[in-house]
Amino acid sequence: MCAYCGTRVTAQTITLDHVSPRRGQTAYDRRDNLVLACRPCNEKKADQSILAFLLARRERAMNLLRFGEHLSPMLIDLIRQIAGPDAVALHERRKDPDYPYAD
């Protein structure tokens, strides 16, 4: 699944994206800064800041909230703020094993 748009992508075409662009810095190649992304989303994001990319389409923040729980706490906080309280509440309900509408 693409962490930005939620599209199912085959293993052969999925890409790895740096949430915070690395701009030549190897320190950003850490697990808490990487997500799986479809090629179109990865190309659209390019070297944009995550803030600019998510603000352009807030649905991306909602998807990233769902598929990016492994990201750094700072990124999670930013994603939660952009997604908004309704999306955060829905995300919390989906984590409940008794929630009947997981997908």
Protein backbone atom coordinates (compact mmCIF):
# COMPACT_ATOMS: atom_id res chain seq x y z
CA MET A 1 0.00 0.00 0.00
CA CYS A 2 1.19 3.48 -0.80
CA ALA A 3 1.59 5.40 2.46
CA TYR A 4 0.39 8.61 0.77
CA CYS A 5 -2.58 7.63 -1.39
CA GLY A 6 -3.46 4.19 -0.02
CA THR A 7 -3.31 2.52 -3.44
CA ARG A 8 -2.34 -1.15 -3.59
CA VAL A 9 0.91 -1.47 -5.47
CA THR A 10 2.78 -4.58 -6.58
CA ALA A 11 6.10 -5.41 -4.99
CA GLN A 12 7.76 -4.89 -8.37
CA THR A 13 6.58 -1.27 -8.69
CA ILE A 14 6.53 0.02 -5.10
CA THR A 15 9.18 2.60 -4.21
CA LEU A 16 10.81 3.69 -0.98
CA ASP A 17 10.39 7.36 -0.09
CA HIS A 18 12.21 9.57 2.39
CA VAL A 19 9.48 11.40 4.30
CA SER A 20 11.91 14.18 5.12
CA PRO A 21 13.99 14.63 1.97
CA ARG A 22 17.56 13.53 2.47
CA ARG A 23 19.24 16.09 0.20
CA GLY A 24 22.48 14.13 0.17
CA GLN A 25 22.48 13.26 3.88
CA THR A 26 22.76 9.56 4.71
CA ALA A 27 21.38 10.09 8.24
CA TYR A 28 17.93 10.29 6.72
CA ASP A 29 18.11 6.65 5.50
CA ARG A 30 16.64 5.48 8.80
CA ARG A 31 13.51 3.36 9.15
CA ASP A 32 11.67 6.16 10.98
CA ASN A 33 12.02 8.38 7.89
CA LEU A 34 11.10 5.85 5.16
CA VAL A 35 7.72 4.76 3.77
CA LEU A 36 6.51 2.70 0.85
CA ALA A 37 5.03 4.86 -1.91
CA CYS A 38 3.65 4.34 -5.38
CA ARG A 39 5.77 5.82 -8.15
CA PRO A 40 3.32 8.69 -8.92
CA CYS A 41 3.24 9.85 -5.29
CA ASN A 42 7.01 9.52 -4.93
CA GLU A 43 7.51 11.57 -8.10
CA LYS A 44 4.98 14.23 -7.00
CA LYS A 45 6.65 14.57 -3.62
CA ALA A 46 10.19 14.63 -5.03
CA ASP A 47 12.22 16.91 -2.72
CA GLN A 48 9.25 18.80 -1.27
CA SER A 49 9.03 19.14 2.46
CA ILE A 50 6.54 16.75 4.02
CA LEU A 51 4.57 19.75 5.29
CA ALA A 52 4.05 21.19 1.79
CA PHE A 53 3.24 17.78 0.32
CA LEU A 54 0.63 16.94 2.97
CA LEU A 55 -0.98 20.37 3.00
CA ALA A 56 -1.54 20.14 -0.77
CA ARG A 57 -3.86 17.15 -0.13
CA ARG A 58 -4.79 16.45 3.48
CA GLU A 59 -5.98 12.93 2.58
CA ARG A 60 -2.29 12.09 2.30
CA ALA A 61 -1.89 12.88 6.01
CA MET A 62 -4.78 10.57 6.84
CA ASN A 63 -3.14 7.72 4.88
CA LEU A 64 0.27 8.43 6.34
CA LEU A 65 -1.24 8.35 9.81
CA ARG A 66 -2.49 4.84 9.02
CA PHE A 67 0.61 3.47 7.27
CA GLY A 68 3.37 5.44 8.99
CA GLU A 69 3.12 4.47 12.64
CA HIS A 70 6.83 3.57 12.56
CA LEU A 71 7.86 7.15 11.74
CA SER A 72 9.64 9.40 14.20
CA PRO A 73 7.52 10.99 16.95
CA MET A 74 8.11 14.45 15.47
CA LEU A 75 6.72 13.35 12.10
CA ILE A 76 3.77 11.56 13.73
CA ASP A 77 2.89 14.74 15.63
CA LEU A 78 3.03 16.81 12.43
CA ILE A 79 0.92 14.25 10.54
CA ARG A 80 -1.69 14.22 13.33
CA GLN A 81 -1.93 18.01 13.27
CA ILE A 82 -2.40 18.11 9.51
CA ALA A 83 -4.85 15.19 9.41
CA GLY A 84 -7.02 16.84 12.04
CA PRO A 85 -8.88 15.59 15.10
CA ASP A 86 -11.54 13.62 13.18
CA ALA A 87 -8.93 11.62 11.26
CA VAL A 88 -6.93 11.00 14.43
CA ALA A 89 -10.06 9.78 16.24
CA LEU A 90 -10.92 7.45 13.33
CA HIS A 91 -7.35 6.15 13.32
CA GLU A 92 -7.57 5.39 17.03
CA ARG A 93 -10.90 3.56 16.55
CA ARG A 94 -9.41 1.44 13.74
CA LYS A 95 -6.64 0.29 16.06
CA ASP A 96 -9.24 -1.19 18.43
CA PRO A 97 -9.44 -4.95 17.69
CA ASP A 98 -13.21 -4.83 18.28
CA TYR A 99 -13.81 -2.05 15.73
CA PRO A 100 -16.03 -3.67 13.06
CA TYR A 101 -15.11 -1.36 10.15
CA ALA A 102 -11.33 -1.76 9.97
CA ASP A 103 -11.15 -1.22 6.20
